[in-house]
PDB file of all heavy atoms in Angstrom:
ATOM      1  N   GLY A   1       0.779  -1.233   0.000  1.00  0.00           N
ATOM      2  CA  GLY A   1       0.000   0.000   0.000  1.00  0.00           C
ATOM      3  C   GLY A   1       0.809   1.280   0.000  1.00  0.00           C
ATOM      4  O   GLY A   1       0.248   2.365  -0.133  1.00  0.00           O
ATOM      5  N   LYS A   2       2.119   1.190   0.119  1.00  0.00           N
ATOM      6  CA  LYS A   2       2.968   2.380   0.130  1.00  0.00           C
ATOM      7  C   LYS A   2       3.565   2.601  -1.254  1.00  0.00           C
ATOM      8  O   LYS A   2       4.289   1.748  -1.771  1.00  0.00           O
ATOM      9  CB  LYS A   2       4.092   2.231   1.158  1.00  0.00           C
ATOM     10  CG  LYS A   2       5.014   3.440   1.229  1.00  0.00           C
ATOM     11  CD  LYS A   2       6.166   3.225   2.200  1.00  0.00           C
ATOM     12  CE  LYS A   2       7.120   4.416   2.187  1.00  0.00           C
ATOM     13  NZ  LYS A   2       8.298   4.192   3.070  1.00  0.00           N
ATOM     14  N   GLU A   3       3.244   3.752  -1.849  1.00  0.00           N
ATOM     15  CA  GLU A   3       3.807   4.064  -3.160  1.00  0.00           C
ATOM     16  C   GLU A   3       5.296   4.360  -3.031  1.00  0.00           C
ATOM     17  O   GLU A   3       5.739   5.039  -2.100  1.00  0.00           O
ATOM     18  CB  GLU A   3       3.084   5.256  -3.782  1.00  0.00           C
ATOM     19  CG  GLU A   3       1.647   4.949  -4.177  1.00  0.00           C
ATOM     20  CD  GLU A   3       1.019   6.055  -5.003  1.00  0.00           C
ATOM     21  OE1 GLU A   3       1.715   7.059  -5.280  1.00  0.00           O
ATOM     22  OE2 GLU A   3      -0.161   5.904  -5.378  1.00  0.00           O
ATOM     23  N   MET A   4       6.070   3.838  -3.981  1.00  0.00           N
ATOM     24  CA  MET A   4       7.528   3.991  -3.948  1.00  0.00           C
ATOM     25  C   MET A   4       8.059   4.145  -5.368  1.00  0.00           C
ATOM     26  O   MET A   4       7.432   3.713  -6.336  1.00  0.00           O
ATOM     27  CB  MET A   4       8.195   2.750  -3.335  1.00  0.00           C
ATOM     28  CG  MET A   4       7.745   2.344  -1.965  1.00  0.00           C
ATOM     29  SD  MET A   4       8.586   0.814  -1.446  1.00  0.00           S
ATOM     30  CE  MET A   4       7.763   0.502   0.129  1.00  0.00           C
ATOM     31  N   GLY A   5       9.253   4.726  -5.465  1.00  0.00           N
ATOM     32  CA  GLY A   5       9.970   4.735  -6.727  1.00  0.00           C
ATOM     33  C   GLY A   5      10.585   3.365  -6.970  1.00  0.00           C
ATOM     34  O   GLY A   5      10.628   2.503  -6.083  1.00  0.00           O
ATOM     35  N   GLY A   6      11.085   3.172  -8.172  1.00  0.00           N
ATOM     36  CA  GLY A   6      11.620   1.878  -8.549  1.00  0.00           C
ATOM     37  C   GLY A   6      12.746   1.387  -7.669  1.00  0.00           C
ATOM     38  O   GLY A   6      12.784   0.217  -7.251  1.00  0.00           O
ATOM     39  N   VAL A   7      13.694   2.271  -7.360  1.00  0.00           N
ATOM     40  CA  VAL A   7      14.844   1.881  -6.544  1.00  0.00           C
ATOM     41  C   VAL A   7      14.393   1.445  -5.155  1.00  0.00           C
ATOM     42  O   VAL A   7      14.837   0.402  -4.638  1.00  0.00           O
ATOM     43  CB  VAL A   7      15.856   3.043  -6.448  1.00  0.00           C
ATOM     44  CG1 VAL A   7      16.927   2.746  -5.401  1.00  0.00           C
ATOM     45  CG2 VAL A   7      16.517   3.286  -7.804  1.00  0.00           C
ATOM     46  N   GLU A   8      13.483   2.208  -4.552  1.00  0.00           N
ATOM     47  CA  GLU A   8      13.013   1.859  -3.211  1.00  0.00           C
ATOM     48  C   GLU A   8      12.244   0.538  -3.215  1.00  0.00           C
ATOM     49  O   GLU A   8      12.347  -0.259  -2.266  1.00  0.00           O
ATOM     50  CB  GLU A   8      12.132   2.977  -2.654  1.00  0.00           C
ATOM     51  CG  GLU A   8      11.756   2.756  -1.188  1.00  0.00           C
ATOM     52  CD  GLU A   8      10.893   3.854  -0.604  1.00  0.00           C
ATOM     53  OE1 GLU A   8      10.552   4.816  -1.334  1.00  0.00           O
ATOM     54  OE2 GLU A   8      10.534   3.761   0.600  1.00  0.00           O
ATOM     55  N   ILE A   9      11.487   0.283  -4.270  1.00  0.00           N
ATOM     56  CA  ILE A   9      10.760  -0.988  -4.359  1.00  0.00           C
ATOM     57  C   ILE A   9      11.726  -2.153  -4.387  1.00  0.00           C
ATOM     58  O   ILE A   9      11.554  -3.145  -3.660  1.00  0.00           O
ATOM     59  CB  ILE A   9       9.844  -0.995  -5.599  1.00  0.00           C
ATOM     60  CG1 ILE A   9       8.597  -0.163  -5.318  1.00  0.00           C
ATOM     61  CG2 ILE A   9       9.452  -2.428  -5.985  1.00  0.00           C
ATOM     62  CD1 ILE A   9       7.667  -0.024  -6.495  1.00  0.00           C
ATOM     63  N   VAL A  10      12.757  -2.068  -5.218  1.00  0.00           N
ATOM     64  CA  VAL A  10      13.731  -3.161  -5.297  1.00  0.00           C
ATOM     65  C   VAL A  10      14.442  -3.337  -3.957  1.00  0.00           C
ATOM     66  O   VAL A  10      14.616  -4.466  -3.472  1.00  0.00           O
ATOM     67  CB  VAL A  10      14.744  -2.912  -6.433  1.00  0.00           C
ATOM     68  CG1 VAL A  10      15.829  -3.986  -6.422  1.00  0.00           C
ATOM     69  CG2 VAL A  10      14.038  -2.902  -7.786  1.00  0.00           C
ATOM     70  N   GLU A  11      14.832  -2.241  -3.331  1.00  0.00           N
ATOM     71  CA  GLU A  11      15.512  -2.328  -2.036  1.00  0.00           C
ATOM     72  C   GLU A  11      14.603  -2.942  -0.976  1.00  0.00           C
ATOM     73  O   GLU A  11      15.049  -3.769  -0.164  1.00  0.00           O
ATOM     74  CB  GLU A  11      15.986  -0.941  -1.601  1.00  0.00           C
ATOM     75  CG  GLU A  11      17.131  -0.385  -2.443  1.00  0.00           C
ATOM     76  CD  GLU A  11      17.502   1.040  -2.080  1.00  0.00           C
ATOM     77  OE1 GLU A  11      16.656   1.767  -1.511  1.00  0.00           O
ATOM     78  OE2 GLU A  11      18.639   1.447  -2.388  1.00  0.00           O
ATOM     79  N   THR A  12      13.337  -2.532  -0.964  1.00  0.00           N
ATOM     80  CA  THR A  12      12.381  -3.063   0.015  1.00  0.00           C
ATOM     81  C   THR A  12      12.183  -4.562  -0.170  1.00  0.00           C
ATOM     82  O   THR A  12      12.197  -5.338   0.798  1.00  0.00           O
ATOM     83  CB  THR A  12      11.028  -2.334  -0.108  1.00  0.00           C
ATOM     84  OG1 THR A  12      11.226  -0.933   0.159  1.00  0.00           O
ATOM     85  CG2 THR A  12      10.012  -2.898   0.871  1.00  0.00           C
ATOM     86  N   LEU A  13      12.003  -4.981  -1.415  1.00  0.00           N
ATOM     87  CA  LEU A  13      11.784  -6.405  -1.684  1.00  0.00           C
ATOM     88  C   LEU A  13      13.061  -7.217  -1.501  1.00  0.00           C
ATOM     89  O   LEU A  13      12.998  -8.398  -1.148  1.00  0.00           O
ATOM     90  CB  LEU A  13      11.207  -6.585  -3.083  1.00  0.00           C
ATOM     91  CG  LEU A  13       9.805  -6.004  -3.287  1.00  0.00           C
ATOM     92  CD1 LEU A  13       9.352  -6.172  -4.737  1.00  0.00           C
ATOM     93  CD2 LEU A  13       8.795  -6.650  -2.335  1.00  0.00           C
ATOM     94  N   ASN A  14      14.208  -6.605  -1.735  1.00  0.00           N
ATOM     95  CA  ASN A  14      15.469  -7.296  -1.435  1.00  0.00           C
ATOM     96  C   ASN A  14      15.540  -7.655   0.043  1.00  0.00           C
ATOM     97  O   ASN A  14      15.955  -8.759   0.416  1.00  0.00           O
ATOM     98  CB  ASN A  14      16.670  -6.419  -1.799  1.00  0.00           C
ATOM     99  CG  ASN A  14      17.064  -6.533  -3.252  1.00  0.00           C
ATOM    100  OD1 ASN A  14      16.694  -7.488  -3.942  1.00  0.00           O
ATOM    101  ND2 ASN A  14      17.829  -5.569  -3.737  1.00  0.00           N
ATOM    102  N   LYS A  15      15.136  -6.713   0.889  1.00  0.00           N
ATOM    103  CA  LYS A  15      15.182  -6.955   2.328  1.00  0.00           C
ATOM    104  C   LYS A  15      14.201  -8.068   2.722  1.00  0.00           C
ATOM    105  O   LYS A  15      14.573  -9.016   3.427  1.00  0.00           O
ATOM    106  CB  LYS A  15      14.856  -5.676   3.093  1.00  0.00           C
ATOM    107  CG  LYS A  15      14.944  -5.807   4.609  1.00  0.00           C
ATOM    108  CD  LYS A  15      14.717  -4.464   5.292  1.00  0.00           C
ATOM    109  CE  LYS A  15      14.904  -4.566   6.804  1.00  0.00           C
ATOM    110  NZ  LYS A  15      13.984  -5.500   7.452  1.00  0.00           N
ATOM    111  N   LEU A  16      12.959  -7.956   2.263  1.00  0.00           N
ATOM    112  CA  LEU A  16      11.955  -8.969   2.594  1.00  0.00           C
ATOM    113  C   LEU A  16      12.344 -10.339   2.032  1.00  0.00           C
ATOM    114  O   LEU A  16      12.243 -11.362   2.714  1.00  0.00           O
ATOM    115  CB  LEU A  16      10.591  -8.557   2.046  1.00  0.00           C
ATOM    116  CG  LEU A  16       9.891  -7.377   2.723  1.00  0.00           C
ATOM    117  CD1 LEU A  16       8.622  -7.019   1.965  1.00  0.00           C
ATOM    118  CD2 LEU A  16       9.571  -7.704   4.173  1.00  0.00           C
ATOM    119  N   GLY A  17      12.772 -10.345   0.793  1.00  0.00           N
ATOM    120  CA  GLY A  17      13.149 -11.607   0.169  1.00  0.00           C
ATOM    121  C   GLY A  17      14.376 -12.221   0.799  1.00  0.00           C
ATOM    122  O   GLY A  17      14.421 -13.431   1.058  1.00  0.00           O
ATOM    123  N   GLY A  18      15.386 -11.380   1.060  1.00  0.00           N
ATOM    124  CA  GLY A  18      16.611 -11.881   1.662  1.00  0.00           C
ATOM    125  C   GLY A  18      16.377 -12.500   3.023  1.00  0.00           C
ATOM    126  O   GLY A  18      16.934 -13.559   3.351  1.00  0.00           O
ATOM    127  N   GLU A  19      15.531 -11.860   3.824  1.00  0.00           N
ATOM    128  CA  GLU A  19      15.229 -12.378   5.160  1.00  0.00           C
ATOM    129  C   GLU A  19      14.543 -13.742   5.118  1.00  0.00           C
ATOM    130  O   GLU A  19      14.635 -14.521   6.072  1.00  0.00           O
ATOM    131  CB  GLU A  19      14.341 -11.379   5.907  1.00  0.00           C
ATOM    132  CG  GLU A  19      15.045 -10.087   6.283  1.00  0.00           C
ATOM    133  CD  GLU A  19      14.096  -9.017   6.805  1.00  0.00           C
ATOM    134  OE1 GLU A  19      12.851  -9.185   6.652  1.00  0.00           O
ATOM    135  OE2 GLU A  19      14.580  -8.007   7.341  1.00  0.00           O
ATOM    136  N   ASN A  20      13.871 -14.024   4.015  1.00  0.00           N
ATOM    137  CA  ASN A  20      13.112 -15.272   3.900  1.00  0.00           C
ATOM    138  C   ASN A  20      13.759 -16.289   2.952  1.00  0.00           C
ATOM    139  O   ASN A  20      13.109 -17.248   2.535  1.00  0.00           O
ATOM    140  CB  ASN A  20      11.686 -14.968   3.450  1.00  0.00           C
ATOM    141  CG  ASN A  20      10.860 -14.336   4.553  1.00  0.00           C
ATOM    142  OD1 ASN A  20      10.340 -15.020   5.432  1.00  0.00           O
ATOM    143  ND2 ASN A  20      10.752 -13.002   4.537  1.00  0.00           N
ATOM    144  N   GLY A  21      15.020 -16.070   2.626  1.00  0.00           N
ATOM    145  CA  GLY A  21      15.748 -17.038   1.804  1.00  0.00           C
ATOM    146  C   GLY A  21      15.259 -17.144   0.377  1.00  0.00           C
ATOM    147  O   GLY A  21      15.407 -18.194  -0.268  1.00  0.00           O
ATOM    148  N   ILE A  22      14.727 -16.053  -0.164  1.00  0.00           N
ATOM    149  CA  ILE A  22      14.164 -16.052  -1.517  1.00  0.00           C
ATOM    150  C   ILE A  22      15.242 -15.696  -2.539  1.00  0.00           C
ATOM    151  O   ILE A  22      16.111 -14.862  -2.284  1.00  0.00           O
ATOM    152  CB  ILE A  22      13.012 -15.024  -1.628  1.00  0.00           C
ATOM    153  CG1 ILE A  22      11.927 -15.300  -0.587  1.00  0.00           C
ATOM    154  CG2 ILE A  22      12.444 -14.993  -3.040  1.00  0.00           C
ATOM    155  CD1 ILE A  22      11.207 -16.599  -0.758  1.00  0.00           C
ATOM    156  N   GLY A  23      15.170 -16.319  -3.711  1.00  0.00           N
ATOM    157  CA  GLY A  23      15.945 -15.852  -4.860  1.00  0.00           C
ATOM    158  C   GLY A  23      17.368 -16.334  -4.961  1.00  0.00           C
ATOM    159  O   GLY A  23      18.204 -15.651  -5.555  1.00  0.00           O
ATOM    160  N   ILE A  24      17.682 -17.506  -4.439  1.00  0.00           N
ATOM    161  CA  ILE A  24      19.021 -18.077  -4.576  1.00  0.00           C
ATOM    162  C   ILE A  24      18.985 -19.088  -5.722  1.00  0.00           C
ATOM    163  O   ILE A  24      18.205 -20.038  -5.699  1.00  0.00           O
ATOM    164  CB  ILE A  24      19.473 -18.766  -3.279  1.00  0.00           C
ATOM    165  CG1 ILE A  24      19.474 -17.763  -2.124  1.00  0.00           C
ATOM    166  CG2 ILE A  24      20.856 -19.389  -3.446  1.00  0.00           C
ATOM    167  CD1 ILE A  24      19.630 -18.400  -0.759  1.00  0.00           C
ATOM    168  N   ALA A  25      19.811 -18.867  -6.728  1.00  0.00           N
ATOM    169  CA  ALA A  25      19.821 -19.750  -7.898  1.00  0.00           C
ATOM    170  C   ALA A  25      21.227 -20.271  -8.144  1.00  0.00           C
ATOM    171  O   ALA A  25      22.196 -19.508  -8.162  1.00  0.00           O
ATOM    172  CB  ALA A  25      19.321 -19.002  -9.131  1.00  0.00           C
ATOM    173  N   ASP A  26      21.332 -21.567  -8.330  1.00  0.00           N
ATOM    174  CA  ASP A  26      22.592 -22.239  -8.647  1.00  0.00           C
ATOM    175  C   ASP A  26      22.425 -22.854 -10.024  1.00  0.00           C
ATOM    176  O   ASP A  26      21.593 -23.738 -10.215  1.00  0.00           O
ATOM    177  CB  ASP A  26      22.871 -23.311  -7.585  1.00  0.00           C
ATOM    178  CG  ASP A  26      24.085 -24.176  -7.913  1.00  0.00           C
ATOM    179  OD1 ASP A  26      24.841 -23.823  -8.840  1.00  0.00           O
ATOM    180  OD2 ASP A  26      24.266 -25.206  -7.234  1.00  0.00           O
ATOM    181  N   LEU A  27      23.172 -22.375 -10.998  1.00  0.00           N
ATOM    182  CA  LEU A  27      22.972 -22.893 -12.343  1.00  0.00           C
ATOM    183  C   LEU A  27      24.263 -22.980 -13.143  1.00  0.00           C
ATOM    184  O   LEU A  27      25.210 -22.228 -12.907  1.00  0.00           O
ATOM    185  CB  LEU A  27      21.967 -22.041 -13.120  1.00  0.00           C
ATOM    186  CG  LEU A  27      22.340 -20.607 -13.462  1.00  0.00           C
ATOM    187  CD1 LEU A  27      21.725 -20.210 -14.805  1.00  0.00           C
ATOM    188  CD2 LEU A  27      21.819 -19.650 -12.386  1.00  0.00           C
ATOM    189  N   VAL A  28      24.280 -23.916 -14.057  1.00  0.00           N
ATOM    190  CA  VAL A  28      25.312 -24.000 -15.084  1.00  0.00           C
ATOM    191  C   VAL A  28      24.695 -23.426 -16.347  1.00  0.00           C
ATOM    192  O   VAL A  28      23.717 -23.951 -16.865  1.00  0.00           O
ATOM    193  CB  VAL A  28      25.772 -25.453 -15.311  1.00  0.00           C
ATOM    194  CG1 VAL A  28      26.742 -25.514 -16.487  1.00  0.00           C
ATOM    195  CG2 VAL A  28      26.422 -26.008 -14.052  1.00  0.00           C
ATOM    196  N   GLU A  29      25.251 -22.315 -16.812  1.00  0.00           N
ATOM    197  CA  GLU A  29      24.668 -21.613 -17.953  1.00  0.00           C
ATOM    198  C   GLU A  29      25.584 -21.700 -19.167  1.00  0.00           C
ATOM    199  O   GLU A  29      26.783 -21.961 -19.049  1.00  0.00           O
ATOM    200  CB  GLU A  29      24.412 -20.144 -17.600  1.00  0.00           C
ATOM    201  CG  GLU A  29      25.684 -19.337 -17.432  1.00  0.00           C
ATOM    202  CD  GLU A  29      25.472 -18.034 -16.684  1.00  0.00           C
ATOM    203  OE1 GLU A  29      25.062 -18.069 -15.509  1.00  0.00           O
ATOM    204  OE2 GLU A  29      25.751 -16.983 -17.290  1.00  0.00           O
ATOM    205  N   ASN A  30      25.003 -21.453 -20.322  1.00  0.00           N
ATOM    206  CA  ASN A  30      25.759 -21.419 -21.572  1.00  0.00           C
ATOM    207  C   ASN A  30      26.191 -19.993 -21.859  1.00  0.00           C
ATOM    208  O   ASN A  30      25.364 -19.137 -22.193  1.00  0.00           O
ATOM    209  CB  ASN A  30      24.899 -21.953 -22.722  1.00  0.00           C
ATOM    210  CG  ASN A  30      24.661 -23.441 -22.606  1.00  0.00           C
ATOM    211  OD1 ASN A  30      25.590 -24.232 -22.710  1.00  0.00           O
ATOM    212  ND2 ASN A  30      23.416 -23.832 -22.371  1.00  0.00           N
ATOM    213  N   ARG A  31      27.485 -19.743 -21.708  1.00  0.00           N
ATOM    214  CA  ARG A  31      27.999 -18.409 -22.005  1.00  0.00           C
ATOM    215  C   ARG A  31      27.919 -18.123 -23.506  1.00  0.00           C
ATOM    216  O   ARG A  31      27.979 -19.028 -24.331  1.00  0.00           O
ATOM    217  CB  ARG A  31      29.450 -18.280 -21.549  1.00  0.00           C
ATOM    218  CG  ARG A  31      29.620 -18.082 -20.067  1.00  0.00           C
ATOM    219  CD  ARG A  31      31.080 -17.847 -19.722  1.00  0.00           C
ATOM    220  NE  ARG A  31      31.268 -17.669 -18.286  1.00  0.00           N
ATOM    221  CZ  ARG A  31      32.463 -17.599 -17.695  1.00  0.00           C
ATOM    222  NH1 ARG A  31      33.560 -17.728 -18.413  1.00  0.00           N
ATOM    223  NH2 ARG A  31      32.542 -17.430 -16.388  1.00  0.00           N
ATOM    224  N   LEU A  32      27.864 -16.838 -23.824  1.00  0.00           N
ATOM    225  CA  LEU A  32      27.848 -16.406 -25.212  1.00  0.00           C
ATOM    226  C   LEU A  32      29.097 -16.874 -25.948  1.00  0.00           C
ATOM    227  O   LEU A  32      29.041 -17.220 -27.134  1.00  0.00           O
ATOM    228  CB  LEU A  32      27.736 -14.872 -25.260  1.00  0.00           C
ATOM    229  CG  LEU A  32      27.866 -14.193 -26.617  1.00  0.00           C
ATOM    230  CD1 LEU A  32      26.778 -14.684 -27.561  1.00  0.00           C
ATOM    231  CD2 LEU A  32      27.788 -12.683 -26.451  1.00  0.00           C
ATOM    232  N   VAL A  33      30.235 -16.919 -25.263  1.00  0.00           N
ATOM    233  CA  VAL A  33      31.498 -17.253 -25.923  1.00  0.00           C
ATOM    234  C   VAL A  33      31.686 -18.751 -26.120  1.00  0.00           C
ATOM    235  O   VAL A  33      32.726 -19.184 -26.605  1.00  0.00           O
ATOM    236  CB  VAL A  33      32.701 -16.669 -25.144  1.00  0.00           C
ATOM    237  CG1 VAL A  33      32.689 -15.155 -25.202  1.00  0.00           C
ATOM    238  CG2 VAL A  33      32.692 -17.149 -23.694  1.00  0.00           C
ATOM    239  N   GLY A  34      30.688 -19.558 -25.755  1.00  0.00           N
ATOM    240  CA  GLY A  34      30.719 -20.953 -26.149  1.00  0.00           C
ATOM    241  C   GLY A  34      30.888 -21.979 -25.050  1.00  0.00           C
ATOM    242  O   GLY A  34      30.585 -23.150 -25.254  1.00  0.00           O
ATOM    243  N   MET A  35      31.384 -21.572 -23.892  1.00  0.00           N
ATOM    244  CA  MET A  35      31.610 -22.534 -22.817  1.00  0.00           C
ATOM    245  C   MET A  35      30.455 -22.510 -21.822  1.00  0.00           C
ATOM    246  O   MET A  35      29.639 -21.586 -21.805  1.00  0.00           O
ATOM    247  CB  MET A  35      32.917 -22.210 -22.091  1.00  0.00           C
ATOM    248  CG  MET A  35      32.862 -20.943 -21.260  1.00  0.00           C
ATOM    249  SD  MET A  35      34.466 -20.455 -20.623  1.00  0.00           S
ATOM    250  CE  MET A  35      35.288 -19.902 -22.118  1.00  0.00           C
ATOM    251  N   LYS A  36      30.391 -23.522 -21.000  1.00  0.00           N
ATOM    252  CA  LYS A  36      29.459 -23.544 -19.877  1.00  0.00           C
ATOM    253  C   LYS A  36      30.163 -22.991 -18.642  1.00  0.00           C
ATOM    254  O   LYS A  36      31.362 -23.201 -18.453  1.00  0.00           O
ATOM    255  CB  LYS A  36      28.958 -24.964 -19.609  1.00  0.00           C
ATOM    256  CG  LYS A  36      28.043 -25.514 -20.698  1.00  0.00           C
ATOM    257  CD  LYS A  36      27.515 -26.891 -20.328  1.00  0.00           C
ATOM    258  CE  LYS A  36      26.632 -27.456 -21.434  1.00  0.00           C
ATOM    259  NZ  LYS A  36      25.342 -26.750 -21.547  1.00  0.00           N
ATOM    260  N   SER A  37      29.421 -22.301 -17.803  1.00  0.00           N
ATOM    261  CA  SER A  37      29.986 -21.792 -16.556  1.00  0.00           C
ATOM    262  C   SER A  37      28.965 -21.972 -15.444  1.00  0.00           C
ATOM    263  O   SER A  37      27.761 -21.980 -15.682  1.00  0.00           O
ATOM    264  CB  SER A  37      30.381 -20.316 -16.677  1.00  0.00           C
ATOM    265  OG  SER A  37      29.231 -19.506 -16.836  1.00  0.00           O
ATOM    266  N   ARG A  38      29.472 -22.105 -14.228  1.00  0.00           N
ATOM    267  CA  ARG A  38      28.606 -22.324 -13.075  1.00  0.00           C
ATOM    268  C   ARG A  38      28.639 -21.089 -12.186  1.00  0.00           C
ATOM    269  O   ARG A  38      29.697 -20.534 -11.892  1.00  0.00           O
ATOM    270  CB  ARG A  38      29.111 -23.553 -12.301  1.00  0.00           C
ATOM    271  CG  ARG A  38      28.127 -24.172 -11.295  1.00  0.00           C
ATOM    272  CD  ARG A  38      28.299 -23.645  -9.884  1.00  0.00           C
ATOM    273  NE  ARG A  38      27.485 -24.408  -8.941  1.00  0.00           N
ATOM    274  CZ  ARG A  38      27.972 -25.337  -8.108  1.00  0.00           C
ATOM    275  NH1 ARG A  38      29.276 -25.624  -8.115  1.00  0.00           N
ATOM    276  NH2 ARG A  38      27.166 -25.969  -7.267  1.00  0.00           N
ATOM    277  N   GLY A  39      27.492 -20.657 -11.759  1.00  0.00           N
ATOM    278  CA  GLY A  39      27.416 -19.505 -10.881  1.00  0.00           C
ATOM    279  C   GLY A  39      26.280 -19.636  -9.891  1.00  0.00           C
ATOM    280  O   GLY A  39      25.311 -20.362 -10.118  1.00  0.00           O
ATOM    281  N   VAL A  40      26.433 -18.941  -8.771  1.00  0.00           N
ATOM    282  CA  VAL A  40      25.359 -18.827  -7.782  1.00  0.00           C
ATOM    283  C   VAL A  40      24.913 -17.369  -7.768  1.00  0.00           C
ATOM    284  O   VAL A  40      25.740 -16.455  -7.663  1.00  0.00           O
ATOM    285  CB  VAL A  40      25.828 -19.266  -6.384  1.00  0.00           C
ATOM    286  CG1 VAL A  40      24.800 -18.877  -5.319  1.00  0.00           C
ATOM    287  CG2 VAL A  40      26.072 -20.770  -6.353  1.00  0.00           C
ATOM    288  N   TYR A  41      23.612 -17.158  -7.898  1.00  0.00           N
ATOM    289  CA  TYR A  41      23.058 -15.808  -7.971  1.00  0.00           C
ATOM    290  C   TYR A  41      22.099 -15.564  -6.817  1.00  0.00           C
ATOM    291  O   TYR A  41      21.269 -16.408  -6.495  1.00  0.00           O
ATOM    292  CB  TYR A  41      22.315 -15.604  -9.290  1.00  0.00           C
ATOM    293  CG  TYR A  41      23.193 -15.747 -10.508  1.00  0.00           C
ATOM    294  CD1 TYR A  41      23.264 -16.955 -11.196  1.00  0.00           C
ATOM    295  CD2 TYR A  41      23.957 -14.687 -10.971  1.00  0.00           C
ATOM    296  CE1 TYR A  41      24.077 -17.095 -12.316  1.00  0.00           C
ATOM    297  CE2 TYR A  41      24.769 -14.815 -12.081  1.00  0.00           C
ATOM    298  CZ  TYR A  41      24.823 -16.022 -12.756  1.00  0.00           C
ATOM    299  OH  TYR A  41      25.625 -16.161 -13.855  1.00  0.00           O
ATOM    300  N   GLU A  42      22.224 -14.388  -6.214  1.00  0.00           N
ATOM    301  CA  GLU A  42      21.270 -13.931  -5.204  1.00  0.00           C
ATOM    302  C   GLU A  42      20.447 -12.800  -5.813  1.00  0.00           C
ATOM    303  O   GLU A  42      20.983 -11.741  -6.133  1.00  0.00           O
ATOM    304  CB  GLU A  42      22.003 -13.418  -3.966  1.00  0.00           C
ATOM    305  CG  GLU A  42      22.869 -14.438  -3.252  1.00  0.00           C
ATOM    306  CD  GLU A  42      23.561 -13.823  -2.044  1.00  0.00           C
ATOM    307  OE1 GLU A  42      22.853 -13.355  -1.134  1.00  0.00           O
ATOM    308  OE2 GLU A  42      24.808 -13.799  -2.026  1.00  0.00           O
ATOM    309  N   THR A  43      19.150 -13.025  -5.975  1.00  0.00           N
ATOM    310  CA  THR A  43      18.261 -12.006  -6.541  1.00  0.00           C
ATOM    311  C   THR A  43      16.948 -12.006  -5.763  1.00  0.00           C
ATOM    312  O   THR A  43      15.882 -12.363  -6.297  1.00  0.00           O
ATOM    313  CB  THR A  43      17.999 -12.287  -8.037  1.00  0.00           C
ATOM    314  OG1 THR A  43      19.184 -12.743  -8.667  1.00  0.00           O
ATOM    315  CG2 THR A  43      17.505 -11.029  -8.747  1.00  0.00           C
ATOM    316  N   PRO A  44      16.965 -11.617  -4.501  1.00  0.00           N
ATOM    317  CA  PRO A  44      15.758 -11.759  -3.672  1.00  0.00           C
ATOM    318  C   PRO A  44      14.590 -10.909  -4.138  1.00  0.00           C
ATOM    319  O   PRO A  44      13.480 -11.424  -4.374  1.00  0.00           O
ATOM    320  CB  PRO A  44      16.236 -11.370  -2.276  1.00  0.00           C
ATOM    321  CG  PRO A  44      17.505 -10.599  -2.479  1.00  0.00           C
ATOM    322  CD  PRO A  44      18.126 -11.138  -3.727  1.00  0.00           C
ATOM    323  N   GLY A  45      14.788  -9.608  -4.283  1.00  0.00           N
ATOM    324  CA  GLY A  45      13.693  -8.743  -4.711  1.00  0.00           C
ATOM    325  C   GLY A  45      13.265  -9.021  -6.130  1.00  0.00           C
ATOM    326  O   GLY A  45      12.075  -9.009  -6.454  1.00  0.00           O
ATOM    327  N   GLY A  46      14.231  -9.274  -6.999  1.00  0.00           N
ATOM    328  CA  GLY A  46      13.923  -9.549  -8.396  1.00  0.00           C
ATOM    329  C   GLY A  46      13.091 -10.805  -8.569  1.00  0.00           C
ATOM    330  O   GLY A  46      12.173 -10.853  -9.396  1.00  0.00           O
ATOM    331  N   THR A  47      13.400 -11.830  -7.797  1.00  0.00           N
ATOM    332  CA  THR A  47      12.638 -13.073  -7.883  1.00  0.00           C
ATOM    333  C   THR A  47      11.183 -12.844  -7.480  1.00  0.00           C
ATOM    334  O   THR A  47      10.255 -13.375  -8.108  1.00  0.00           O
ATOM    335  CB  THR A  47      13.283 -14.144  -6.988  1.00  0.00           C
ATOM    336  OG1 THR A  47      14.637 -14.358  -7.416  1.00  0.00           O
ATOM    337  CG2 THR A  47      12.529 -15.456  -7.063  1.00  0.00           C
ATOM    338  N   ILE A  48      10.978 -12.041  -6.460  1.00  0.00           N
ATOM    339  CA  ILE A  48       9.611 -11.703  -6.036  1.00  0.00           C
ATOM    340  C   ILE A  48       8.884 -10.937  -7.136  1.00  0.00           C
ATOM    341  O   ILE A  48       7.717 -11.217  -7.465  1.00  0.00           O
ATOM    342  CB  ILE A  48       9.633 -10.890  -4.730  1.00  0.00           C
ATOM    343  CG1 ILE A  48      10.189 -11.733  -3.582  1.00  0.00           C
ATOM    344  CG2 ILE A  48       8.240 -10.369  -4.388  1.00  0.00           C
ATOM    345  CD1 ILE A  48      10.470 -10.942  -2.315  1.00  0.00           C
TER     346      ILE A  48
END
């Protein structure tokens, strides 16, 4: 119910998501340059 700008929304959801273990991704991806690479990504607000 609280209107916010884009930056504040992402920051707010990052906090809520992070506290609840949201948005952790472990993946092997196909890089543009042809090889596979493995990475762990934290995107709590974005996932929400």
